[in-house]
C-alpha atoms as a PDB file:
ATOM      1  CA  MET A   1     104.144  58.861  75.335  1.00  0.00           C
ATOM      2  CA  PRO A   2     101.652  61.696  75.218  1.00  0.00           C
ATOM      3  CA  PRO A   3     103.051  65.169  74.592  1.00  0.00           C
ATOM      4  CA  LYS A   4     103.714  67.397  77.587  1.00  0.00           C
ATOM      5  CA  GLN A   5     101.171  70.137  78.183  1.00  0.00           C
ATOM      6  CA  PHE A   6     102.226  73.506  79.478  1.00  0.00           C
ATOM      7  CA  SER A   7      99.836  75.890  81.167  1.00  0.00           C
ATOM      8  CA  VAL A   8     100.092  79.500  80.127  1.00  0.00           C
ATOM      9  CA  ALA A   9      98.965  82.223  82.519  1.00  0.00           C
ATOM     10  CA  ARG A  10      96.292  84.470  81.059  1.00  0.00           C
ATOM     11  CA  SER A  11      96.865  88.168  81.445  1.00  0.00           C
ATOM     12  CA  GLY A  12      93.482  89.490  80.390  1.00  0.00           C
ATOM     13  CA  GLY A  13      91.115  87.161  82.213  1.00  0.00           C
ATOM     14  CA  PRO A  14      88.882  87.944  85.139  1.00  0.00           C
ATOM     15  CA  ARG A  15      90.718  88.455  88.381  1.00  0.00           C
ATOM     16  CA  ARG A  16      89.539  87.638  91.825  1.00  0.00           C
ATOM     17  CA  GLY A  17      89.826  90.277  94.506  1.00  0.00           C
ATOM     18  CA  HIS A  18      92.159  89.681  97.390  1.00  0.00           C
ATOM     19  CA  GLN A  19      90.121  88.056 100.131  1.00  0.00           C
ATOM     20  CA  GLN A  20      90.752  89.578 103.528  1.00  0.00           C
ATOM     21  CA  GLY A  21      90.193  88.109 106.917  1.00  0.00           C
ATOM     22  CA  TYR A  22      87.841  89.549 109.506  1.00  0.00           C
ATOM     23  CA  PHE A  23      90.427  91.859 111.077  1.00  0.00           C
ATOM     24  CA  GLY A  24      91.777  93.013 107.734  1.00  0.00           C
ATOM     25  CA  ALA A  25      88.302  93.895 106.501  1.00  0.00           C
ATOM     26  CA  ALA A  26      87.512  95.698 109.765  1.00  0.00           C
ATOM     27  CA  TYR A  27      90.760  97.689 109.571  1.00  0.00           C
ATOM     28  CA  SER A  28      90.045  98.635 105.958  1.00  0.00           C
ATOM     29  CA  ALA A  29      86.536  99.765 106.896  1.00  0.00           C
ATOM     30  CA  ILE A  30      87.789 101.831 109.830  1.00  0.00           C
ATOM     31  CA  THR A  31      90.553 103.541 107.865  1.00  0.00           C
ATOM     32  CA  SER A  32      88.378 104.226 104.821  1.00  0.00           C
ATOM     33  CA  LYS A  33      87.902 107.899 103.937  1.00  0.00           C
ATOM     34  CA  ASP A  34      84.169 107.299 103.580  1.00  0.00           C
ATOM     35  CA  ASN A  35      83.870 106.322 107.253  1.00  0.00           C
ATOM     36  CA  ARG A  36      86.182 108.956 108.704  1.00  0.00           C
ATOM     37  CA  SER A  37      83.458 111.146 110.243  1.00  0.00           C
ATOM     38  CA  VAL A  38      81.677 108.193 111.851  1.00  0.00           C
ATOM     39  CA  VAL A  39      84.884 106.785 113.342  1.00  0.00           C
ATOM     40  CA  GLN A  40      85.884 110.225 114.597  1.00  0.00           C
ATOM     41  CA  SER A  41      82.486 110.793 116.230  1.00  0.00           C
ATOM     42  CA  VAL A  42      82.553 107.409 117.964  1.00  0.00           C
ATOM     43  CA  GLY A  43      86.086 108.109 119.203  1.00  0.00           C
ATOM     44  CA  ILE A  44      85.179 111.519 120.603  1.00  0.00           C
ATOM     45  CA  PHE A  45      82.100 110.050 122.278  1.00  0.00           C
ATOM     46  CA  GLY A  46      84.257 107.346 123.890  1.00  0.00           C
ATOM     47  CA  VAL A  47      86.737 109.911 125.178  1.00  0.00           C
ATOM     48  CA  ALA A  48      83.900 112.035 126.599  1.00  0.00           C
ATOM     49  CA  VAL A  49      82.334 109.053 128.387  1.00  0.00           C
ATOM     50  CA  ALA A  50      85.702 108.073 129.828  1.00  0.00           C
ATOM     51  CA  PHE A  51      86.323 111.647 130.995  1.00  0.00           C
ATOM     52  CA  PHE A  52      82.937 112.105 132.650  1.00  0.00           C
ATOM     53  CA  SER A  53      83.132 108.752 134.419  1.00  0.00           C
ATOM     54  CA  SER A  54      86.555 109.524 135.889  1.00  0.00           C
ATOM     55  CA  SER A  55      87.527 111.732 138.790  1.00  0.00           C
ATOM     56  CA  TRP A  56      88.881 114.333 136.342  1.00  0.00           C
ATOM     57  CA  SER A  57      85.315 115.466 135.626  1.00  0.00           C
ATOM     58  CA  GLU A  58      85.202 117.132 139.067  1.00  0.00           C
ATOM     59  CA  PHE A  59      87.463 119.905 137.730  1.00  0.00           C
ATOM     60  CA  ILE A  60      84.656 121.289 135.562  1.00  0.00           C
ATOM     61  CA  LEU A  61      82.191 121.631 138.453  1.00  0.00           C
ATOM     62  CA  PRO A  62      81.688 125.181 139.763  1.00  0.00           C
ATOM     63  CA  PRO A  63      83.042 125.893 143.248  1.00  0.00           C
ATOM     64  CA  LEU A  64      80.510 125.758 146.062  1.00  0.00           C
END
């Protein structure tokens, strides 16, 4: 019988990064500190478009 071979885990070898899915990568990109100003600007723009396209925008018109 051949001798049994045991595999030993290496502790100093190259490691692979954790591969994320599409939604995980998108969430990481959105919540990154590097992208905070861009995400904030897009959010404010979206809120402004929603406000001006609603009936609430009539409150900022001057009285006639």
